[in-house]
Amino acid sequence: MSDSRSNPSVAAGRKLSVRPLPDAPIAGRRQRRAAETRERLFRSALQLFGERGFANVTVQDITEAADVGKGTFFNYFQSKDHVLGMMAEIQVARVNGAMALVAGGRQSIRSVLHRLALKLAEEPGRSPELARAVISAFLASTVVREIVDRRIAEGRKVVAEFIAEGQRRGEINPRLDKEMVAMQFQQAEMGTILMWSLNGGPPLAARIEESFLHFWRAIARPAGKPSREKEL
C-alpha cells in the first residue's frame, strides 16, 4: 500500500468526496465500508481520467490514488472499463429518485424534470476534461458502451412515465409520444454535455438550464388548452 506522504496522488485521492450511491440504503458496518471503498475507487478514477485521459490511466494508478491495494480493485470492478459503469448506476439511481418525487405528487413534473436534468449533469460537469474522457471511453470501449446503453434504456423507460404523468396532469402536450419525448430529454442532456466538453465556457449547469428551457417549451401543453381530465 502506498504512503500518502510520499505519493501526491494518494493525498489527492483522500480529498475526494466519498458518499454512498444516491437513494441506495446501506445496512451494516461492513456494507458501509465496502460502499465507501467502491466510491473512493470510483472518485479517484474519475479524477485521474479527467487529468490524464481514460486511456492513460491504469488500475494501479487508480488504486494508488484511492490508497488501497491493487487486489482490492477487483473486488469491486471487473476492469478499468467497468468503473464508468458506476457512473451509469449513479445516473439511474437519480432517475429513480426523481420517480419517487413524481409518485409523491407534491411537485410539478416540470420541477422534477428540471431538477433531474441538473442532477444528471453533476458527474460529467466536474470539468470539460472529465466529460471528454468519459465520452471518449464510451466511444472506444465496447464494455463501457454496452453498460451505458443498457442503463440509458432503463432510465428512458422511467422518464417516459414522468412524461405520461405530466400529460395526465395537464402539464405536457398529450399529443406527444411519451417514449419519443423521453428520448429527446436524454438527447438534450447528452448533447449539451458534449458541446460543453468541447470548449468549456460557462458552468455546465448554466448550459443545462438553457437547454431544459427550450426542451420544456417544446413539450408543454399549449396555453389555453384544457387538460385531458377536463376534455373527458
Protein backbone atom coordinates (compact mmCIF):
# COMPACT_ATOMS: atom_id res chain seq x y z
CA MET A 1 0.00 0.00 0.00
CA SER A 2 1.30 3.46 -0.87
CA ASP A 3 2.46 6.05 1.62
CA SER A 4 0.39 9.22 1.14
CA ARG A 5 3.25 11.40 2.44
CA SER A 6 5.48 10.39 -0.49
CA ASN A 7 2.78 9.97 -3.12
CA PRO A 8 0.82 13.12 -4.01
CA SER A 9 -1.78 11.16 -5.96
CA VAL A 10 -2.73 9.35 -2.76
CA ALA A 11 -3.18 12.62 -0.95
CA ALA A 12 -5.34 13.87 -3.78
CA GLY A 13 -7.41 10.71 -3.58
CA ARG A 14 -8.05 11.30 0.12
CA LYS A 15 -9.53 14.70 -0.63
CA LEU A 16 -12.23 13.23 -2.81
CA SER A 17 -15.79 13.18 -1.55
CA VAL A 18 -16.79 9.67 -0.52
CA ARG A 19 -20.50 9.08 -0.25
CA PRO A 20 -22.90 6.19 -0.96
CA LEU A 21 -24.84 5.99 -4.17
CA PRO A 22 -27.98 8.16 -4.29
CA ASP A 23 -31.04 6.50 -2.82
CA ALA A 24 -29.10 3.31 -2.05
CA PRO A 25 -29.76 2.12 1.53
CA ILE A 26 -26.72 0.52 3.12
CA ALA A 27 -27.09 -1.65 6.23
CA GLY A 28 -24.27 -2.76 8.46
CA ARG A 29 -20.72 -1.58 9.08
CA ARG A 30 -19.15 -4.00 6.58
CA GLN A 31 -21.54 -2.96 3.82
CA ARG A 32 -20.92 0.72 4.53
CA ARG A 33 -17.16 0.25 4.38
CA ALA A 34 -17.43 -1.70 1.14
CA ALA A 35 -19.62 1.02 -0.38
CA GLU A 36 -17.17 3.70 0.75
CA THR A 37 -14.22 1.83 -0.75
CA ARG A 38 -16.02 1.35 -4.05
CA GLU A 39 -16.99 5.01 -4.08
CA ARG A 40 -13.40 6.07 -3.31
CA LEU A 41 -12.08 3.97 -6.18
CA PHE A 42 -14.68 5.50 -8.49
CA ARG A 43 -13.92 9.09 -7.44
CA SER A 44 -10.18 8.54 -7.72
CA ALA A 45 -10.62 7.04 -11.18
CA LEU A 46 -12.74 9.99 -12.33
CA GLN A 47 -10.16 12.45 -11.11
CA LEU A 48 -7.39 10.64 -12.98
CA PHE A 49 -9.48 10.25 -16.14
CA GLY A 50 -10.04 14.00 -16.14
CA GLU A 51 -6.36 14.76 -15.60
CA ARG A 52 -4.75 12.19 -17.92
CA GLY A 53 -7.45 10.83 -20.20
CA PHE A 54 -9.12 7.43 -19.88
CA ALA A 55 -6.57 5.55 -22.00
CA ASN A 56 -3.62 6.85 -19.96
CA VAL A 57 -4.83 5.61 -16.56
CA THR A 58 -4.09 2.13 -15.23
CA VAL A 59 -5.73 0.12 -12.47
CA GLN A 60 -2.58 0.62 -10.39
CA ASP A 61 -2.87 4.39 -10.83
CA ILE A 62 -6.43 4.22 -9.51
CA THR A 63 -5.62 2.07 -6.50
CA GLU A 64 -2.64 4.26 -5.56
CA ALA A 65 -4.80 7.37 -5.75
CA ALA A 66 -7.51 5.68 -3.66
CA ASP A 67 -4.88 4.37 -1.18
CA VAL A 68 -5.95 0.72 -1.43
CA GLY A 69 -4.19 -2.44 -2.52
CA LYS A 70 -4.32 -3.32 -6.21
CA GLY A 71 -6.15 -6.57 -5.47
CA THR A 72 -8.90 -4.63 -3.72
CA PHE A 73 -9.88 -3.02 -7.01
CA PHE A 74 -11.04 -6.33 -8.47
CA ASN A 75 -13.31 -6.96 -5.50
CA TYR A 76 -15.45 -4.13 -6.85
CA PHE A 77 -14.82 -3.81 -10.59
CA GLN A 78 -14.01 -6.36 -13.29
CA SER A 79 -11.81 -3.91 -15.16
CA LYS A 80 -10.99 -0.22 -15.55
CA ASP A 81 -13.78 -0.02 -18.14
CA HIS A 82 -16.32 -1.18 -15.58
CA VAL A 83 -15.53 1.79 -13.33
CA LEU A 84 -17.52 4.01 -15.67
CA GLY A 85 -20.44 1.63 -15.29
CA MET A 86 -20.76 3.04 -11.77
CA MET A 87 -21.43 6.47 -13.24
CA ALA A 88 -24.34 4.93 -15.13
CA GLU A 89 -25.56 3.37 -11.86
CA ILE A 90 -25.50 6.76 -10.17
CA GLN A 91 -27.47 8.30 -13.02
CA VAL A 92 -30.12 5.58 -12.93
CA ALA A 93 -30.38 5.99 -9.14
CA ARG A 94 -31.04 9.69 -9.67
CA VAL A 95 -33.75 8.94 -12.21
CA ASN A 96 -35.38 6.52 -9.76
CA GLY A 97 -35.14 9.14 -7.04
CA ALA A 98 -36.97 11.56 -9.31
CA MET A 99 -39.65 8.91 -9.83
CA ALA A 100 -40.24 8.88 -6.09
CA LEU A 101 -40.89 12.63 -6.22
CA VAL A 102 -43.38 12.12 -9.03
CA ALA A 103 -45.14 9.39 -7.06
CA GLY A 104 -45.36 11.72 -4.07
CA GLY A 105 -47.48 14.06 -6.15
CA ARG A 106 -46.32 17.23 -4.40
CA GLN A 107 -44.06 18.59 -7.15
CA SER A 108 -44.88 19.53 -10.72
CA ILE A 109 -43.48 17.34 -13.48
CA ARG A 110 -41.64 20.38 -14.80
CA SER A 111 -39.82 20.90 -11.50
CA VAL A 112 -38.95 17.21 -11.22
CA LEU A 113 -37.54 17.06 -14.76
CA HIS A 114 -35.68 20.32 -14.27
CA ARG A 115 -34.06 19.09 -11.06
CA LEU A 116 -33.23 15.75 -12.71
CA ALA A 117 -31.55 17.46 -15.68
CA LEU A 118 -29.28 19.37 -13.30
CA LYS A 119 -28.51 16.31 -11.16
CA LEU A 120 -27.59 14.20 -14.19
CA ALA A 121 -25.05 16.82 -15.22
CA GLU A 122 -23.24 16.84 -11.86
CA GLU A 123 -20.80 13.98 -12.51
CA PRO A 124 -19.64 14.93 -16.04
CA GLY A 125 -19.86 18.61 -15.11
CA ARG A 126 -16.86 18.43 -12.79
CA SER A 127 -14.66 19.53 -15.70
CA PRO A 128 -14.70 19.61 -19.52
CA GLU A 129 -11.65 17.34 -19.44
CA LEU A 130 -13.53 14.71 -17.45
CA ALA A 131 -16.54 14.96 -19.75
CA ARG A 132 -14.28 14.42 -22.78
CA ALA A 133 -12.56 11.47 -21.12
CA VAL A 134 -15.90 9.83 -20.32
CA ILE A 135 -17.26 10.42 -23.81
CA SER A 136 -14.11 9.03 -25.42
CA ALA A 137 -14.35 5.93 -23.22
CA PHE A 138 -17.95 5.42 -24.30
CA LEU A 139 -16.87 5.55 -27.93
CA ALA A 140 -13.73 3.43 -27.59
CA SER A 141 -14.80 0.66 -25.20
CA THR A 142 -17.39 -1.92 -26.13
CA VAL A 143 -17.74 -2.87 -22.47
CA VAL A 144 -18.47 0.70 -21.38
CA ARG A 145 -20.79 1.29 -24.33
CA GLU A 146 -22.89 -1.79 -23.58
CA ILE A 147 -23.20 -0.93 -19.89
CA VAL A 148 -24.12 2.68 -20.58
CA ASP A 149 -26.54 1.81 -23.37
CA ARG A 150 -28.37 -0.61 -21.08
CA ARG A 151 -28.59 1.93 -18.27
CA ILE A 152 -29.71 4.70 -20.60
CA ALA A 153 -32.53 2.46 -21.83
CA GLU A 154 -33.57 1.78 -18.22
CA GLY A 155 -33.60 5.47 -17.44
CA ARG A 156 -35.55 6.31 -20.58
CA LYS A 157 -38.39 4.00 -19.57
CA VAL A 158 -38.70 5.78 -16.24
CA VAL A 159 -38.56 9.24 -17.82
CA ALA A 160 -41.31 8.15 -20.22
CA GLU A 161 -43.50 7.51 -17.17
CA PHE A 162 -42.75 11.06 -15.97
CA ILE A 163 -43.96 12.32 -19.32
CA ALA A 164 -47.13 10.23 -19.18
CA GLU A 165 -47.88 11.57 -15.70
CA GLY A 166 -47.27 15.10 -16.93
CA GLN A 167 -49.78 14.51 -19.69
CA ARG A 168 -52.33 13.22 -17.21
CA ARG A 169 -51.81 16.31 -15.04
CA GLY A 170 -52.18 18.64 -17.99
CA GLU A 171 -48.59 19.92 -17.94
CA ILE A 172 -47.37 18.23 -21.12
CA ASN A 173 -48.92 18.15 -24.58
CA PRO A 174 -50.99 14.94 -24.68
CA ARG A 175 -50.44 14.56 -28.43
CA LEU A 176 -46.76 13.79 -27.95
CA ASP A 177 -45.41 10.24 -27.75
CA LYS A 178 -44.01 9.68 -24.25
CA GLU A 179 -41.15 7.44 -25.41
CA MET A 180 -40.07 9.96 -28.03
CA VAL A 181 -40.15 12.82 -25.51
CA ALA A 182 -38.08 10.74 -23.08
CA MET A 183 -35.55 10.15 -25.85
CA GLN A 184 -35.45 13.88 -26.59
CA PHE A 185 -34.84 14.61 -22.90
CA GLN A 186 -31.79 12.34 -22.95
CA GLN A 187 -30.56 13.71 -26.25
CA ALA A 188 -30.82 17.29 -24.99
CA GLU A 189 -28.88 16.34 -21.84
CA MET A 190 -26.15 14.39 -23.58
CA GLY A 191 -25.84 16.82 -26.48
CA THR A 192 -25.42 19.73 -24.07
CA ILE A 193 -22.72 17.85 -22.16
CA LEU A 194 -20.90 17.05 -25.41
CA MET A 195 -20.95 20.63 -26.66
CA TRP A 196 -19.83 21.95 -23.28
CA SER A 197 -16.96 19.44 -23.15
CA LEU A 198 -15.54 20.83 -26.40
CA ASN A 199 -14.98 24.39 -25.29
CA GLY A 200 -15.99 24.76 -21.63
CA GLY A 201 -17.18 28.31 -21.06
CA PRO A 202 -19.98 28.88 -18.55
CA PRO A 203 -20.57 26.11 -15.98
CA LEU A 204 -22.36 23.09 -17.36
CA ALA A 205 -25.31 23.77 -15.07
CA ALA A 206 -25.91 27.07 -16.89
CA ARG A 207 -25.90 25.29 -20.24
CA ILE A 208 -28.30 22.67 -18.91
CA GLU A 209 -30.64 25.43 -17.71
CA GLU A 210 -30.79 26.90 -21.22
CA SER A 211 -31.23 23.50 -22.85
CA PHE A 212 -34.01 22.49 -20.46
CA LEU A 213 -35.87 25.76 -21.03
CA HIS A 214 -36.06 25.07 -24.78
CA PHE A 215 -36.94 21.41 -24.20
CA TRP A 216 -39.82 22.30 -21.89
CA ARG A 217 -41.20 24.92 -24.25
CA ALA A 218 -41.35 22.26 -26.96
CA ILE A 219 -43.33 19.74 -24.88
CA ALA A 220 -45.50 21.90 -22.61
CA ARG A 221 -49.26 21.88 -23.18
CA PRO A 222 -50.15 24.87 -25.37
CA ALA A 223 -51.61 27.76 -23.40
CA GLY A 224 -55.39 27.80 -23.22
CA LYS A 225 -55.75 24.07 -23.94
CA PRO A 226 -57.88 22.13 -21.40
CA SER A 227 -56.32 19.25 -19.53
CA ARG A 228 -57.17 15.70 -20.52
CA GLU A 229 -59.32 15.31 -17.42
CA LYS A 230 -61.44 18.27 -18.48
CA GLU A 231 -61.65 17.01 -22.05
CA LEU A 232 -63.03 13.74 -20.74
